Protein backbone atom coordinates (compact mmCIF):
# COMPACT_ATOMS: atom_id res chain seq x y z
CA UNK A 1 89.82 116.20 127.45
CA UNK A 2 89.83 112.40 127.34
CA UNK A 3 89.04 109.91 124.57
CA UNK A 4 89.24 106.09 124.52
CA UNK A 5 89.15 103.86 121.43
CA UNK A 6 89.12 100.05 121.51
CA UNK A 7 89.55 97.97 118.37
CA UNK A 8 90.73 94.67 116.92
CA UNK A 9 91.44 93.36 113.42
CA UNK A 10 89.24 90.49 112.22
CA UNK A 11 86.00 89.12 113.62
CA UNK A 12 84.94 87.80 117.03
CA UNK A 13 85.72 84.31 115.69
CA UNK A 14 89.23 85.05 114.38
CA UNK A 15 91.09 88.18 115.30
CA UNK A 16 94.13 90.09 116.49
CA UNK A 17 94.90 91.36 119.96
CA UNK A 18 92.29 93.80 121.27
CA UNK A 19 94.00 97.20 121.36
CA UNK A 20 93.06 100.21 123.43
CA UNK A 21 94.26 103.77 122.96
CA UNK A 22 93.49 106.71 125.21
CA UNK A 23 94.20 110.42 125.26
CA UNK A 24 94.44 112.65 128.32
CA UNK A 25 95.06 116.33 127.69
CA UNK A 26 98.23 116.19 125.50
CA UNK A 27 99.31 112.61 126.26
CA UNK A 28 98.34 109.50 124.28
CA UNK A 29 98.58 105.91 125.54
CA UNK A 30 98.46 102.61 123.64
CA UNK A 31 98.22 99.15 125.15
CA UNK A 32 97.08 95.65 124.31
CA UNK A 33 94.23 94.18 126.31
CA UNK A 34 95.26 90.54 126.01
CA UNK A 35 98.54 91.15 127.78
CA UNK A 36 96.60 92.48 130.75
CA UNK A 37 98.06 95.96 130.43
CA UNK A 38 101.54 94.72 131.35
CA UNK A 39 103.17 97.02 128.78
CA UNK A 40 102.13 100.48 127.65
CA UNK A 41 103.26 102.92 124.97
CA UNK A 42 103.16 106.52 126.21
CA UNK A 43 103.35 109.39 123.72
CA UNK A 44 103.84 112.29 126.11
CA UNK A 45 103.46 116.00 125.52
CA UNK A 46 107.24 116.24 126.04
CA UNK A 47 108.58 115.09 122.62
CA UNK A 48 111.81 113.82 124.20
CA UNK A 49 110.09 111.28 126.43
CA UNK A 50 108.02 108.94 124.29
CA UNK A 51 108.34 105.49 125.76
CA UNK A 52 107.45 101.83 125.92
CA UNK A 53 107.38 100.76 129.55
CA UNK A 54 106.17 97.95 131.76
CA UNK A 55 103.43 98.68 134.25
CA UNK A 56 104.17 98.63 137.98
CA UNK A 57 102.70 95.15 138.40
CA UNK A 58 104.93 93.73 135.68
CA UNK A 59 108.04 95.48 136.99
CA UNK A 60 107.41 94.01 140.44
CA UNK A 61 107.72 90.55 138.89
CA UNK A 62 110.54 91.42 136.43
CA UNK A 63 112.67 94.07 138.13
CA UNK A 64 115.40 93.91 135.45
CA UNK A 65 113.10 95.35 132.79
CA UNK A 66 113.89 98.87 131.57
CA UNK A 67 111.71 101.24 129.54
CA UNK A 68 112.62 102.10 125.96
CA UNK A 69 112.55 105.82 125.18
CA UNK A 70 112.73 107.77 121.94
CA UNK A 71 112.07 111.22 120.50
CA UNK A 72 108.96 112.24 118.63
CA UNK A 73 109.65 111.56 114.91
CA UNK A 74 109.99 114.36 112.40
CA UNK A 75 107.02 115.47 110.32
CA UNK A 76 106.52 113.54 107.07
CA UNK A 77 104.39 116.39 105.67
CA UNK A 78 103.50 119.88 106.88
CA UNK A 79 102.01 119.50 110.36
CA UNK A 80 101.74 115.68 110.15
CA UNK A 81 103.73 113.14 112.20
CA UNK A 82 103.52 109.35 112.11
CA UNK A 83 103.63 108.60 115.82
CA UNK A 84 103.23 104.83 116.14
CA UNK A 85 102.04 101.80 114.16
CA UNK A 86 100.76 98.27 114.71
CA UNK A 87 101.10 95.62 111.98
CA UNK A 88 98.66 92.71 112.01
CA UNK A 89 99.52 90.02 109.41
CA UNK A 90 96.57 87.89 108.27
CA UNK A 91 98.48 84.79 109.41
CA UNK A 92 98.34 86.03 113.03
CA UNK A 93 94.54 86.12 113.36
CA UNK A 94 93.33 83.37 115.72
CA UNK A 95 90.35 82.51 117.90
CA UNK A 96 90.45 83.34 121.62
CA UNK A 97 88.08 82.21 124.35
CA UNK A 98 89.21 85.11 126.55
CA UNK A 99 88.48 87.77 123.93
CA UNK A 100 85.17 86.11 123.03
CA UNK A 101 84.08 86.50 126.65
CA UNK A 102 85.30 90.11 126.74
CA UNK A 103 83.26 91.11 123.68
CA UNK A 104 80.06 90.21 125.50
CA UNK A 105 80.54 93.12 127.93
CA UNK A 106 82.80 95.55 126.05
CA UNK A 107 82.41 97.59 122.88
CA UNK A 108 85.10 96.78 120.31
CA UNK A 109 85.47 98.29 116.84
CA UNK A 110 86.16 95.38 114.46
CA UNK A 111 88.40 96.25 111.50
CA UNK A 112 88.11 94.06 108.38
CA UNK A 113 90.67 91.25 108.24
CA UNK A 114 93.45 91.65 105.66
CA UNK A 115 93.60 89.40 102.62
CA UNK A 116 95.81 86.31 102.66
CA UNK A 117 99.47 87.35 102.43
CA UNK A 118 98.66 90.90 103.55
CA UNK A 119 98.63 92.84 106.81
CA UNK A 120 96.57 95.61 108.31
CA UNK A 121 98.62 98.57 109.51
CA UNK A 122 97.07 100.79 112.16
CA UNK A 123 98.84 104.15 112.42
CA UNK A 124 98.61 106.96 114.98
CA UNK A 125 99.12 110.28 113.16
CA UNK A 126 99.48 113.66 114.88
CA UNK A 127 98.02 116.59 112.94
CA UNK A 128 98.75 120.19 113.89
CA UNK A 129 96.08 122.84 113.23
CA UNK A 130 97.89 123.98 110.08
CA UNK A 131 97.95 120.48 108.55
CA UNK A 132 95.89 120.02 105.39
CA UNK A 133 93.74 116.96 106.09
CA UNK A 134 90.88 115.99 103.78
CA UNK A 135 88.65 113.71 105.82
CA UNK A 136 91.51 111.90 107.58
CA UNK A 137 95.18 111.19 106.74
CA UNK A 138 95.67 108.69 103.91
CA UNK A 139 91.99 108.56 102.99
CA UNK A 140 92.76 109.06 99.33
CA UNK A 141 96.48 108.32 98.99
CA UNK A 142 96.39 104.96 100.85
CA UNK A 143 92.67 104.16 100.85
CA UNK A 144 92.84 104.19 104.65
CA UNK A 145 89.82 103.77 106.91
CA UNK A 146 89.15 105.78 110.04
CA UNK A 147 89.55 103.99 113.38
CA UNK A 148 89.16 107.05 115.58
CA UNK A 149 90.02 110.67 116.29
CA UNK A 150 91.46 112.09 119.53
CA UNK A 151 91.56 115.91 119.93
CA UNK A 152 94.29 117.13 122.29
CA UNK A 153 94.27 120.20 124.52
CA UNK A 154 97.12 121.67 122.44
CA UNK A 155 94.89 121.90 119.36
CA UNK A 156 96.53 118.92 117.68
CA UNK A 157 94.40 115.95 116.64
CA UNK A 158 95.61 112.36 116.80
CA UNK A 159 94.09 110.33 113.98
CA UNK A 160 94.07 106.54 114.18
CA UNK A 161 93.77 105.09 110.68
CA UNK A 162 94.09 101.64 109.12
CA UNK A 163 95.07 100.37 105.70
CA UNK A 164 96.13 97.09 104.13
CA UNK A 165 99.56 96.40 102.66
CA UNK A 166 101.51 93.35 101.47
CA UNK A 167 103.58 91.49 104.06
CA UNK A 168 107.19 92.28 103.19
CA UNK A 169 109.98 89.71 103.31
CA UNK A 170 111.44 91.56 106.31
CA UNK A 171 108.23 91.31 108.33
CA UNK A 172 107.73 87.68 107.29
CA UNK A 173 111.26 86.80 108.45
CA UNK A 174 110.69 88.52 111.81
CA UNK A 175 107.38 86.72 112.32
CA UNK A 176 108.88 83.31 111.44
CA UNK A 177 111.89 83.89 113.71
CA UNK A 178 109.73 84.82 116.69
CA UNK A 179 107.37 81.92 116.15
CA UNK A 180 110.38 79.62 116.32
CA UNK A 181 111.73 81.30 119.46
CA UNK A 182 108.40 81.40 121.31
CA UNK A 183 106.85 78.05 120.40
CA UNK A 184 108.20 76.53 123.64
CA UNK A 185 106.30 79.18 125.63
CA UNK A 186 103.04 78.08 124.01
CA UNK A 187 103.70 74.40 124.71
CA UNK A 188 104.61 74.98 128.36
CA UNK A 189 101.65 77.30 129.04
CA UNK A 190 98.96 74.88 127.88
CA UNK A 191 97.17 77.75 126.08
CA UNK A 192 96.69 78.00 122.32
CA UNK A 193 95.51 81.65 122.22
CA UNK A 194 98.49 83.52 123.67
CA UNK A 195 99.74 86.64 121.89
CA UNK A 196 102.94 88.67 121.84
CA UNK A 197 104.02 92.01 120.39
CA UNK A 198 107.35 92.43 118.62
CA UNK A 199 108.68 95.99 119.07
CA UNK A 200 110.85 97.70 116.46
CA UNK A 201 111.48 100.84 114.42
CA UNK A 202 112.14 101.96 110.87
CA UNK A 203 114.70 104.49 109.53
CA UNK A 204 112.20 107.37 109.75
CA UNK A 205 112.03 106.97 113.53
CA UNK A 206 108.56 105.40 113.52
CA UNK A 207 108.20 102.78 116.28
CA UNK A 208 105.88 99.83 115.77
CA UNK A 209 104.53 96.56 117.07
CA UNK A 210 103.98 93.41 115.03
CA UNK A 211 100.96 91.71 116.60
CA UNK A 212 101.83 87.99 116.89
CA UNK A 213 99.97 84.82 117.79
CA UNK A 214 101.96 82.14 119.61
């Protein structure tokens, strides 16, 4: 049982990273296309070995890198678990020649851009068979939209949903700090469409990326 979903926030003219998520039996994988697949989030069937790791090609060039591992978070409601999230602030949507070329040959689901001062949050939610889900998680409570649905061999379903929310002061401070730290990378590379992903977590155990432009 295998499902692949590819999506980006914005439009072909101004957008986020292109994200790809795949399921294989009871494992789910998340990675960003623009980084060339150099890092990958793996949500394994074993709840004690969820991880963010560098691919073999990246490790060959950066042997000191180590994977980050964590446990599957607790359920936030009966049978429902927030597994991972990606935040895309409106300020981080940019144009990209490389993505524009990719869209000519690849199918990408385009999610509406957030309003100014807001962000789009994409969330991966595990639902056990006993979970009460009307349509998809957050459809009514958060006005979420459906990105995709990945049935697993175990009977669980992984829902990928998106909703808009205000950019908090904490997220804004993190974005500003990383822009300051990484601006030299942009200048030295000669490219204006590079992207990065800031990894973090919240008290509930949910891990996330903030999708950044450089």
